[in-house]
Amino acid sequence: MYLPNVWSSHCGFNLEREYVGLPFDKGEIFTFGSLNNFRKISDETLNTWSVILNNVSNSRLILKSSTFCDSTLLIEKFKKNGVKNKIEILNLVLY
């Protein structure tokens, strides 16, 4: 369903927005992202992400866990799959 006046499922802001285009359209990097609990990331998921990153030129994957988790094992698996340099892991900020 097309909703022309809704830019996201939680829009309620009275702000004027200007579409500035996608970075990828300007020849920049294509960014995938997942904001999930790292404990939910299976080897199958990690391998699928690795295949995608290897097949999409100029791409990266940003990951952030919804809970504190040591990302060392994930990084090692991405390294084994040859995509460690395409992964950015954001730290969980606890307030």
Protein backbone atom coordinates (compact mmCIF):
# COMPACT_ATOMS: atom_id res chain seq x y z
CA MET A 1 0.00 0.00 0.00
CA TYR A 2 1.40 3.40 -0.96
CA LEU A 3 1.08 6.06 1.71
CA PRO A 4 2.35 9.29 0.13
CA ASN A 5 2.51 11.30 3.35
CA VAL A 6 4.21 8.69 5.52
CA TRP A 7 8.00 8.34 5.41
CA SER A 8 8.18 5.71 8.14
CA SER A 9 5.90 3.72 10.37
CA HIS A 10 6.52 6.10 13.25
CA CYS A 11 6.35 9.49 11.61
CA GLY A 12 4.71 11.99 13.83
CA PHE A 13 7.19 14.76 13.49
CA ASN A 14 6.16 18.09 12.05
CA LEU A 15 9.39 18.53 10.13
CA GLU A 16 9.86 19.33 6.48
CA ARG A 17 12.03 16.68 4.89
CA GLU A 18 14.06 17.00 1.75
CA TYR A 19 15.00 13.95 -0.27
CA VAL A 20 18.72 14.11 -0.93
CA GLY A 21 19.13 10.83 -2.77
CA LEU A 22 20.93 7.66 -1.91
CA PRO A 23 24.71 7.63 -1.33
CA PHE A 24 24.99 4.60 -3.63
CA ASP A 25 23.45 6.62 -6.48
CA LYS A 26 26.33 9.08 -6.09
CA GLY A 27 28.90 6.32 -6.57
CA GLU A 28 29.44 5.81 -2.88
CA ILE A 29 29.17 2.66 -0.81
CA PHE A 30 26.01 0.54 -0.50
CA THR A 31 25.31 -0.07 3.19
CA PHE A 32 23.41 -2.99 4.65
CA GLY A 33 22.55 -3.02 8.31
CA SER A 34 21.25 -5.19 11.12
CA LEU A 35 20.35 -3.95 14.58
CA ASN A 36 19.71 -7.17 16.40
CA ASN A 37 20.91 -9.30 19.27
CA PHE A 38 24.23 -10.86 18.16
CA ARG A 39 23.21 -14.09 19.87
CA LYS A 40 20.49 -14.47 17.22
CA ILE A 41 22.98 -14.41 14.33
CA SER A 42 23.36 -17.97 13.10
CA ASP A 43 26.25 -19.27 11.00
CA GLU A 44 23.81 -19.56 8.10
CA THR A 45 22.93 -15.86 8.42
CA LEU A 46 26.57 -14.86 8.73
CA ASN A 47 27.51 -16.93 5.67
CA THR A 48 24.62 -15.44 3.68
CA TRP A 49 25.72 -11.91 4.57
CA SER A 50 29.25 -12.82 3.52
CA VAL A 51 28.06 -14.10 0.12
CA ILE A 52 26.05 -10.92 -0.42
CA LEU A 53 28.98 -8.68 0.55
CA ASN A 54 31.29 -10.61 -1.76
CA ASN A 55 28.83 -10.24 -4.64
CA VAL A 56 27.81 -6.61 -4.19
CA SER A 57 30.72 -4.41 -5.10
CA ASN A 58 31.39 -1.37 -2.95
CA SER A 59 29.22 -2.63 -0.08
CA ARG A 60 29.47 -2.89 3.68
CA LEU A 61 27.45 -4.23 6.60
CA ILE A 62 26.87 -2.29 9.81
CA LEU A 63 25.95 -4.38 12.84
CA LYS A 64 24.78 -3.30 16.27
CA SER A 65 23.61 -5.64 19.00
CA SER A 66 20.55 -4.79 21.04
CA THR A 67 22.31 -6.35 24.04
CA PHE A 68 25.91 -6.35 25.16
CA CYS A 69 27.81 -9.11 23.42
CA ASP A 70 31.44 -9.84 22.65
CA SER A 71 31.77 -9.53 18.88
CA THR A 72 35.14 -11.32 18.65
CA LEU A 73 33.66 -14.59 17.35
CA LEU A 74 31.58 -12.77 14.71
CA ILE A 75 34.60 -10.84 13.50
CA GLU A 76 36.65 -14.03 13.21
CA LYS A 77 33.90 -15.71 11.16
CA PHE A 78 33.66 -12.70 8.83
CA LYS A 79 37.46 -12.74 8.53
CA LYS A 80 37.33 -16.45 7.55
CA ASN A 81 34.76 -15.56 4.87
CA GLY A 82 36.98 -12.78 3.49
CA VAL A 83 34.70 -9.85 4.33
CA LYS A 84 36.07 -8.55 7.64
CA ASN A 85 37.04 -5.26 5.98
CA LYS A 86 33.40 -4.76 4.93
CA ILE A 87 32.00 -5.09 8.47
CA GLU A 88 31.47 -2.26 10.94
CA ILE A 89 30.30 -3.16 14.43
CA LEU A 90 28.83 -0.34 16.47
CA ASN A 91 29.17 -0.49 20.22
CA LEU A 92 26.12 -0.74 22.43
CA VAL A 93 25.76 2.45 24.43
CA LEU A 94 24.35 1.87 27.89
CA TYR A 95 22.81 4.84 29.66
